[in-house]
Each structure stands twice: as structure tokens, then as C-alpha cells.
Amino acid sequence: MDPLTELKTAYQHSKISIMTQPLTLDQQAQFRQIQWPPANLKLTPNDIKLGAVYHALLTANLSAIQYQLFYVANLNHDHTWLTYPIEPQRVQAWRQTESPKLELFRANAFMFEGVSVDETAALALL
């Protein structure tokens, strides 16, 4: 598995796990082993951008374990972004109302103007 795919997969697994229960110590240790950027590997500019975002999101997911927050990248018009926390109460509300937002945020790591967007749209905004 290439390093960017490994990083994306680790972020996605951490996010899905956090949505259901706090990460275990073993899970935390496993996710902390992911290194970015990979040494001695040529990356495309898009891979560098995406890798930086996914690494920041994975790190953020591991930063507040006790609060069961997961993070997405909030993208801005000026090509900047920041990590944005999604709290468990919001996830629970989405489950109760069967909101499509739950599936969108489960699938995507990015949002723009409060709406979940996929990686293709995110690259246009990064």
C-alpha cells in the first residue's frame, strides 16, 4: 500500500472507530506509527497537499481521545484549511434524525461552508 493510501486508511479507520466508541490504547499506538511525509519518496503536489491534511486530521483525532471527537478539514475560499471537530452529540443527533450528513461525514474528510465534500472537490479548494 502506498504511503498516502495508508495514511487515508488510518484516518478513516480512526474516524469510524471514534464515531462508535473511544479508541483503545492499542488503536492509538497503531495510528501513531503512521509517518508522514514518507522518506525518500517522490510525491506529486496533490499528494503532498492531501498527505498534509490527512496527517493533521489523524493527529487531531489522537489529540482528544477522552472527548471522542473526530476531525475534518474545514476548507476556505482562499485555499487555507483548518481542523474542525465533530463532537459525539452531533453524530448522535444525525443518527436519531437519519440525517444524510452522517454518511457524508463518515465517507469524506473535508467540508466547505459546513457541507461535506469529497476529495476531488477538496483538491480544487486546497
Protein backbone atom coordinates (compact mmCIF):
# COMPACT_ATOMS: atom_id res chain seq x y z
CA MET A 1 0.00 0.00 0.00
CA ASP A 2 1.39 3.39 -0.91
CA PRO A 3 2.01 5.85 1.97
CA LEU A 4 -0.84 8.23 1.08
CA THR A 5 -3.36 5.39 0.89
CA GLU A 6 -2.05 4.05 4.20
CA LEU A 7 -2.48 7.48 5.78
CA LYS A 8 -6.00 7.94 4.37
CA THR A 9 -6.98 4.47 5.56
CA ALA A 10 -5.61 5.13 9.05
CA TYR A 11 -7.51 8.42 9.26
CA GLN A 12 -10.72 6.79 8.02
CA HIS A 13 -10.41 3.90 10.48
CA SER A 14 -9.71 6.26 13.36
CA LYS A 15 -12.72 8.39 12.45
CA ILE A 16 -15.11 5.43 12.11
CA SER A 17 -13.86 3.95 15.38
CA ILE A 18 -14.26 7.25 17.23
CA MET A 19 -17.82 7.56 15.91
CA THR A 20 -18.77 4.36 17.73
CA GLN A 21 -16.53 4.29 20.81
CA PRO A 22 -13.30 5.80 22.19
CA LEU A 23 -10.10 4.46 20.67
CA THR A 24 -8.34 1.76 22.63
CA LEU A 25 -4.70 2.16 23.67
CA ASP A 26 -3.72 -0.42 21.04
CA GLN A 27 -5.55 1.50 18.32
CA GLN A 28 -3.93 4.74 19.42
CA ALA A 29 -0.46 3.16 19.31
CA GLN A 30 -1.12 1.69 15.86
CA PHE A 31 -2.28 5.03 14.42
CA ARG A 32 0.67 6.89 15.96
CA GLN A 33 3.08 4.69 13.98
CA ILE A 34 2.00 6.24 10.67
CA GLN A 35 4.72 8.58 9.45
CA TRP A 36 4.28 11.50 7.06
CA PRO A 37 5.88 12.58 4.83
CA PRO A 38 7.48 9.31 3.80
CA ALA A 39 11.25 9.38 3.47
CA ASN A 40 12.86 9.19 0.03
CA LEU A 41 9.65 9.04 -1.96
CA LYS A 42 8.72 11.42 -4.75
CA LEU A 43 5.21 12.74 -4.32
CA THR A 44 3.01 14.79 -6.62
CA PRO A 45 1.96 18.24 -5.43
CA ASN A 46 -1.58 16.95 -4.86
CA ASP A 47 -0.28 14.02 -2.81
CA ILE A 48 1.75 16.44 -0.69
CA LYS A 49 -1.33 18.60 -0.05
CA LEU A 50 -3.60 15.66 0.74
CA GLY A 51 -0.95 13.98 2.88
CA ALA A 52 -0.50 17.10 4.99
CA VAL A 53 -4.26 17.32 5.57
CA TYR A 54 -4.76 13.64 6.37
CA HIS A 55 -1.75 13.65 8.71
CA ALA A 56 -3.08 16.70 10.56
CA LEU A 57 -6.53 15.09 10.83
CA LEU A 58 -5.15 11.80 12.13
CA THR A 59 -3.02 13.68 14.67
CA ALA A 60 -6.05 15.72 15.72
CA ASN A 61 -8.13 12.55 16.11
CA LEU A 62 -5.49 11.25 18.52
CA SER A 63 -5.29 14.51 20.47
CA ALA A 64 -8.63 14.45 22.28
CA ILE A 65 -9.38 10.78 22.82
CA GLN A 66 -11.28 11.30 26.06
CA TYR A 67 -13.79 13.63 24.34
CA GLN A 68 -14.47 11.22 21.46
CA LEU A 69 -14.08 13.99 18.88
CA PHE A 70 -13.12 13.34 15.31
CA TYR A 71 -11.87 15.99 12.95
CA VAL A 72 -12.49 17.00 9.37
CA ALA A 73 -10.72 19.62 7.28
CA ASN A 74 -12.70 22.84 7.01
CA LEU A 75 -11.71 24.31 3.63
CA ASN A 76 -11.76 28.02 2.86
CA HIS A 77 -12.10 30.08 -0.33
CA ASP A 78 -8.51 31.32 0.00
CA HIS A 79 -7.07 27.76 -0.20
CA THR A 80 -6.41 27.58 3.54
CA TRP A 81 -7.89 24.98 5.86
CA LEU A 82 -8.12 24.09 9.50
CA THR A 83 -9.06 21.05 11.51
CA TYR A 84 -12.66 21.17 12.65
CA PRO A 85 -14.00 18.95 15.46
CA ILE A 86 -17.18 16.93 15.15
CA GLU A 87 -18.48 16.09 18.61
CA PRO A 88 -20.30 12.87 19.57
CA GLN A 89 -23.54 14.75 20.33
CA ARG A 90 -23.73 15.88 16.71
CA VAL A 91 -23.14 12.34 15.46
CA GLN A 92 -25.86 11.07 17.81
CA ALA A 93 -28.29 13.72 16.55
CA TRP A 94 -27.56 12.74 12.95
CA ARG A 95 -28.22 9.10 13.82
CA GLN A 96 -31.51 9.92 15.54
CA THR A 97 -32.79 12.01 12.65
CA GLU A 98 -31.30 9.71 9.99
CA SER A 99 -29.55 12.74 8.52
CA PRO A 100 -27.61 12.20 5.30
CA LYS A 101 -24.83 14.27 6.90
CA LEU A 102 -23.79 11.23 8.94
CA GLU A 103 -22.96 9.18 5.84
CA LEU A 104 -21.31 12.14 4.13
CA PHE A 105 -19.00 12.85 7.06
CA ARG A 106 -18.37 9.13 7.51
CA ALA A 107 -17.20 8.95 3.88
CA ASN A 108 -15.44 12.31 3.50
CA ALA A 109 -12.65 14.05 5.39
CA PHE A 110 -13.43 17.53 4.10
CA MET A 111 -16.08 20.20 4.42
CA PHE A 112 -16.69 23.51 2.72
CA GLU A 113 -19.15 26.04 4.12
CA GLY A 114 -20.48 23.41 6.52
CA VAL A 115 -21.16 20.81 3.81
CA SER A 116 -19.17 17.61 3.46
CA VAL A 117 -17.23 17.45 0.18
CA ASP A 118 -15.23 14.68 -1.44
CA GLU A 119 -11.51 14.61 -2.11
CA THR A 120 -11.85 15.85 -5.70
CA ALA A 121 -13.68 18.99 -4.59
CA ALA A 122 -11.22 19.38 -1.73
CA LEU A 123 -8.24 19.37 -4.08
CA ALA A 124 -9.80 22.24 -6.02
CA LEU A 125 -10.01 24.21 -2.77
CA LEU A 126 -6.57 23.34 -1.36
